[in-house]
């Protein structure tokens, strides 16, 4: 039977980085605690820490009445990247599914 990722039997883990052309990257049948799995855990940890730091920066910048449109656009671009990372982590952990 195929699962939602098209994998026949077994479990596929969505990795916290994109493959060629920005497509999702999966670890197929990898043992939990294996090298790639640990690398993915580390990458997710860094991405979540960076999201927290970016959120704190956004709070500060949005409270600053002197913030310029280019600064706000840059912040929004980084927030979009971070949200993409956080969403990918949520999908990987089974909290959400890809459309």
N, C-alpha and C. Protein backbone atom coordinates (compact mmCIF):
# COMPACT_ATOMS: atom_id res chain seq x y z
N UNK A 1 0.84 -1.18 0.00
CA UNK A 1 0.00 0.00 0.00
C UNK A 1 0.89 1.25 0.00
N UNK A 2 0.53 2.24 -0.80
CA UNK A 2 1.29 3.50 -0.85
C UNK A 2 0.85 4.42 0.27
N UNK A 3 1.80 5.09 0.92
CA UNK A 3 1.45 6.10 1.91
C UNK A 3 1.32 7.44 1.20
N UNK A 4 1.10 8.53 1.95
CA UNK A 4 0.87 9.85 1.35
C UNK A 4 2.06 10.37 0.56
N UNK A 5 3.25 9.82 0.77
CA UNK A 5 4.44 10.27 0.04
C UNK A 5 4.74 9.37 -1.15
N UNK A 6 3.87 8.35 -1.39
CA UNK A 6 4.11 7.45 -2.50
C UNK A 6 5.07 6.33 -2.14
N UNK A 7 5.46 6.22 -0.89
CA UNK A 7 6.38 5.17 -0.45
C UNK A 7 5.60 3.88 -0.27
N UNK A 8 6.09 2.81 -0.81
CA UNK A 8 5.45 1.51 -0.65
C UNK A 8 6.01 0.86 0.59
N UNK A 9 5.18 0.70 1.62
CA UNK A 9 5.63 0.13 2.88
C UNK A 9 6.74 0.96 3.49
N UNK A 10 6.97 0.84 4.75
CA UNK A 10 8.04 1.58 5.40
C UNK A 10 7.70 3.05 5.59
N UNK A 11 8.63 3.74 6.22
CA UNK A 11 8.42 5.14 6.56
C UNK A 11 9.45 6.00 5.84
N UNK A 12 9.00 7.13 5.36
CA UNK A 12 9.90 8.10 4.72
C UNK A 12 9.90 9.35 5.59
N UNK A 13 11.08 9.86 5.90
CA UNK A 13 11.19 11.07 6.70
C UNK A 13 11.47 12.25 5.77
N UNK A 14 10.66 13.29 5.89
CA UNK A 14 10.91 14.51 5.15
C UNK A 14 12.11 15.20 5.79
N UNK A 15 13.13 15.46 4.99
CA UNK A 15 14.35 16.08 5.50
C UNK A 15 14.20 17.60 5.54
N UNK A 16 14.94 18.27 6.41
CA UNK A 16 14.78 19.72 6.58
C UNK A 16 15.52 20.55 5.54
N UNK A 17 15.77 19.98 4.40
CA UNK A 17 16.37 20.73 3.30
C UNK A 17 15.70 20.28 2.01
N UNK A 18 15.76 21.14 1.02
CA UNK A 18 15.15 20.83 -0.27
C UNK A 18 16.16 20.15 -1.18
N UNK A 19 15.65 19.36 -2.09
CA UNK A 19 16.49 18.72 -3.09
C UNK A 19 16.62 19.62 -4.31
N UNK A 20 17.09 19.05 -5.40
CA UNK A 20 17.22 19.82 -6.64
C UNK A 20 15.87 20.45 -7.03
N UNK A 21 15.94 21.63 -7.55
CA UNK A 21 14.75 22.37 -8.00
C UNK A 21 13.79 22.67 -6.86
N UNK A 22 14.26 22.65 -5.61
CA UNK A 22 13.42 22.99 -4.47
C UNK A 22 12.42 21.93 -4.07
N UNK A 23 12.56 20.74 -4.63
CA UNK A 23 11.62 19.66 -4.32
C UNK A 23 11.94 19.04 -2.96
N UNK A 24 10.91 18.49 -2.28
CA UNK A 24 11.14 17.85 -0.98
C UNK A 24 12.15 16.71 -1.09
N UNK A 25 12.90 16.51 -0.03
CA UNK A 25 13.92 15.46 0.06
C UNK A 25 13.49 14.51 1.19
N UNK A 26 13.52 13.23 0.91
CA UNK A 26 13.10 12.24 1.91
C UNK A 26 14.22 11.26 2.21
N UNK A 27 14.23 10.79 3.45
CA UNK A 27 15.11 9.71 3.86
C UNK A 27 14.23 8.46 3.89
N UNK A 28 14.54 7.52 3.01
CA UNK A 28 13.73 6.32 2.89
C UNK A 28 14.33 5.19 3.71
N UNK A 29 13.52 4.65 4.60
CA UNK A 29 13.94 3.49 5.35
C UNK A 29 15.17 3.70 6.22
N UNK A 30 15.51 4.94 6.51
CA UNK A 30 16.68 5.21 7.35
C UNK A 30 16.42 4.87 8.79
N UNK A 31 17.39 4.26 9.41
CA UNK A 31 17.25 3.92 10.82
C UNK A 31 17.30 5.18 11.66
N UNK A 32 16.39 5.28 12.60
CA UNK A 32 16.42 6.42 13.51
C UNK A 32 17.74 6.40 14.25
N UNK A 33 18.39 7.53 14.31
CA UNK A 33 19.68 7.61 14.96
C UNK A 33 20.83 7.40 14.00
N UNK A 34 20.53 7.13 12.72
CA UNK A 34 21.58 7.00 11.71
C UNK A 34 22.19 8.36 11.40
N UNK A 35 23.23 8.35 10.61
CA UNK A 35 23.97 9.57 10.30
C UNK A 35 23.08 10.65 9.67
N UNK A 36 22.34 10.31 8.63
CA UNK A 36 21.50 11.31 7.95
C UNK A 36 20.40 11.78 8.89
N UNK A 37 19.84 10.87 9.65
CA UNK A 37 18.79 11.24 10.60
C UNK A 37 19.33 12.22 11.66
N UNK A 38 20.54 11.97 12.15
CA UNK A 38 21.15 12.89 13.13
C UNK A 38 21.45 14.24 12.49
N UNK A 39 21.92 14.22 11.24
CA UNK A 39 22.18 15.48 10.54
C UNK A 39 20.88 16.27 10.39
N UNK A 40 19.80 15.57 10.06
CA UNK A 40 18.50 16.23 9.91
C UNK A 40 18.04 16.80 11.25
N UNK A 41 18.22 16.04 12.33
CA UNK A 41 17.85 16.54 13.66
C UNK A 41 18.62 17.81 13.99
N UNK A 42 19.92 17.81 13.72
CA UNK A 42 20.75 18.99 13.98
C UNK A 42 20.30 20.18 13.14
N UNK A 43 20.02 19.94 11.86
CA UNK A 43 19.57 21.01 10.98
C UNK A 43 18.25 21.59 11.46
N UNK A 44 17.32 20.72 11.87
CA UNK A 44 16.03 21.19 12.39
C UNK A 44 16.22 22.03 13.65
N UNK A 45 17.10 21.59 14.51
CA UNK A 45 17.36 22.32 15.75
C UNK A 45 17.88 23.73 15.44
N UNK A 46 18.80 23.84 14.50
CA UNK A 46 19.35 25.14 14.09
C UNK A 46 18.26 25.99 13.45
N UNK A 47 17.46 25.40 12.58
CA UNK A 47 16.40 26.15 11.92
C UNK A 47 15.40 26.70 12.93
N UNK A 48 15.03 25.90 13.93
CA UNK A 48 14.08 26.37 14.94
C UNK A 48 14.70 27.46 15.82
N UNK A 49 15.97 27.32 16.17
CA UNK A 49 16.64 28.36 16.94
C UNK A 49 16.71 29.67 16.16
N UNK A 50 17.03 29.56 14.86
CA UNK A 50 17.10 30.75 14.02
C UNK A 50 15.72 31.40 13.88
N UNK A 51 14.67 30.60 13.81
CA UNK A 51 13.31 31.13 13.72
C UNK A 51 12.98 31.93 14.98
N UNK A 52 13.39 31.42 16.13
CA UNK A 52 13.16 32.14 17.39
C UNK A 52 13.90 33.46 17.44
N UNK A 53 15.15 33.44 16.98
CA UNK A 53 15.95 34.67 16.95
C UNK A 53 15.36 35.67 15.96
N UNK A 54 14.90 35.19 14.83
CA UNK A 54 14.30 36.06 13.83
C UNK A 54 13.01 36.67 14.35
N UNK A 55 12.23 35.90 15.06
CA UNK A 55 10.99 36.40 15.64
C UNK A 55 11.28 37.51 16.65
N UNK A 56 12.31 37.33 17.47
CA UNK A 56 12.70 38.38 18.42
C UNK A 56 13.14 39.63 17.68
N UNK A 57 13.91 39.46 16.60
CA UNK A 57 14.35 40.60 15.80
C UNK A 57 13.15 41.30 15.17
N UNK A 58 12.19 40.53 14.67
CA UNK A 58 10.99 41.10 14.06
C UNK A 58 10.21 41.93 15.07
N UNK A 59 10.09 41.43 16.27
CA UNK A 59 9.39 42.16 17.31
C UNK A 59 10.07 43.51 17.57
N UNK A 60 11.39 43.50 17.66
CA UNK A 60 12.14 44.75 17.87
C UNK A 60 11.99 45.70 16.69
N UNK A 61 12.15 45.18 15.48
CA UNK A 61 12.10 46.04 14.30
C UNK A 61 10.72 46.64 14.10
N UNK A 62 9.69 45.86 14.33
CA UNK A 62 8.33 46.37 14.16
C UNK A 62 7.96 47.40 15.21
N UNK A 63 8.62 47.36 16.35
CA UNK A 63 8.38 48.36 17.40
C UNK A 63 9.15 49.65 17.14
N UNK A 64 10.09 49.62 16.20
CA UNK A 64 10.94 50.78 15.91
C UNK A 64 10.27 51.63 14.82
N UNK A 65 9.83 52.81 15.17
CA UNK A 65 9.15 53.68 14.21
C UNK A 65 10.10 54.18 13.11
N UNK A 66 11.40 53.98 13.30
CA UNK A 66 12.37 54.42 12.29
C UNK A 66 12.70 53.32 11.28
N UNK A 67 12.08 52.16 11.42
CA UNK A 67 12.34 51.06 10.49
C UNK A 67 11.95 51.49 9.08
N UNK A 68 12.82 51.21 8.14
CA UNK A 68 12.60 51.64 6.76
C UNK A 68 11.91 50.54 5.95
N UNK A 69 11.26 50.91 4.85
CA UNK A 69 10.65 49.88 4.00
C UNK A 69 11.64 48.81 3.54
N UNK A 70 12.88 49.17 3.13
CA UNK A 70 13.82 48.09 2.76
C UNK A 70 14.13 47.15 3.92
N UNK A 71 14.24 47.69 5.13
CA UNK A 71 14.49 46.83 6.29
C UNK A 71 13.32 45.88 6.51
N UNK A 72 12.11 46.40 6.38
CA UNK A 72 10.92 45.57 6.60
C UNK A 72 10.76 44.52 5.49
N UNK A 73 11.08 44.88 4.25
CA UNK A 73 11.03 43.90 3.16
C UNK A 73 12.06 42.79 3.38
N UNK A 74 13.25 43.16 3.82
CA UNK A 74 14.29 42.18 4.10
C UNK A 74 13.82 41.24 5.22
N UNK A 75 13.26 41.82 6.26
CA UNK A 75 12.74 41.03 7.38
C UNK A 75 11.67 40.07 6.89
N UNK A 76 10.76 40.56 6.07
CA UNK A 76 9.68 39.71 5.56
C UNK A 76 10.22 38.57 4.71
N UNK A 77 11.23 38.84 3.91
CA UNK A 77 11.84 37.77 3.09
C UNK A 77 12.45 36.70 3.98
N UNK A 78 13.18 37.10 5.02
CA UNK A 78 13.80 36.14 5.93
C UNK A 78 12.72 35.39 6.71
N UNK A 79 11.64 36.07 7.09
CA UNK A 79 10.55 35.41 7.81
C UNK A 79 9.89 34.35 6.91
N UNK A 80 9.72 34.65 5.63
CA UNK A 80 9.13 33.68 4.70
C UNK A 80 10.02 32.45 4.59
N UNK A 81 11.34 32.66 4.50
CA UNK A 81 12.27 31.52 4.45
C UNK A 81 12.17 30.69 5.72
N UNK A 82 12.12 31.36 6.84
CA UNK A 82 12.06 30.67 8.12
C UNK A 82 10.74 29.91 8.28
N UNK A 83 9.66 30.53 7.85
CA UNK A 83 8.36 29.86 7.94
C UNK A 83 8.34 28.62 7.06
N UNK A 84 8.98 28.67 5.92
CA UNK A 84 9.09 27.50 5.05
C UNK A 84 9.82 26.38 5.78
N UNK A 85 10.93 26.73 6.46
CA UNK A 85 11.69 25.73 7.22
C UNK A 85 10.85 25.14 8.34
N UNK A 86 10.17 25.99 9.09
CA UNK A 86 9.37 25.53 10.23
C UNK A 86 8.22 24.65 9.76
N UNK A 87 7.60 25.02 8.64
CA UNK A 87 6.51 24.21 8.09
C UNK A 87 7.03 22.84 7.67
N UNK A 88 8.20 22.81 7.05
CA UNK A 88 8.79 21.53 6.62
C UNK A 88 9.04 20.65 7.85
N UNK A 89 9.50 21.24 8.94
CA UNK A 89 9.73 20.48 10.17
C UNK A 89 8.40 19.94 10.70
N UNK A 90 7.35 20.76 10.67
CA UNK A 90 6.04 20.30 11.14
C UNK A 90 5.54 19.14 10.31
N UNK A 91 5.72 19.21 9.00
CA UNK A 91 5.33 18.10 8.11
C UNK A 91 6.14 16.86 8.45
N UNK A 92 7.44 17.02 8.64
CA UNK A 92 8.32 15.91 8.94
C UNK A 92 7.90 15.21 10.23
N UNK A 93 7.43 15.98 11.18
CA UNK A 93 7.04 15.42 12.48
C UNK A 93 5.59 14.96 12.51
N UNK A 94 4.91 15.06 11.37
CA UNK A 94 3.54 14.58 11.29
C UNK A 94 2.50 15.54 11.80
N UNK A 95 2.87 16.78 12.06
CA UNK A 95 1.93 17.77 12.56
C UNK A 95 1.05 18.29 11.44
N UNK A 96 1.58 18.31 10.23
CA UNK A 96 0.87 18.84 9.07
C UNK A 96 1.29 18.01 7.87
N UNK A 97 0.44 18.01 6.85
CA UNK A 97 0.80 17.30 5.62
C UNK A 97 1.01 18.29 4.49
N UNK A 98 1.78 17.89 3.50
CA UNK A 98 1.99 18.75 2.33
C UNK A 98 0.72 18.78 1.51
N UNK A 99 0.45 19.91 0.84
CA UNK A 99 -0.77 20.00 0.01
C UNK A 99 -0.71 19.06 -1.17
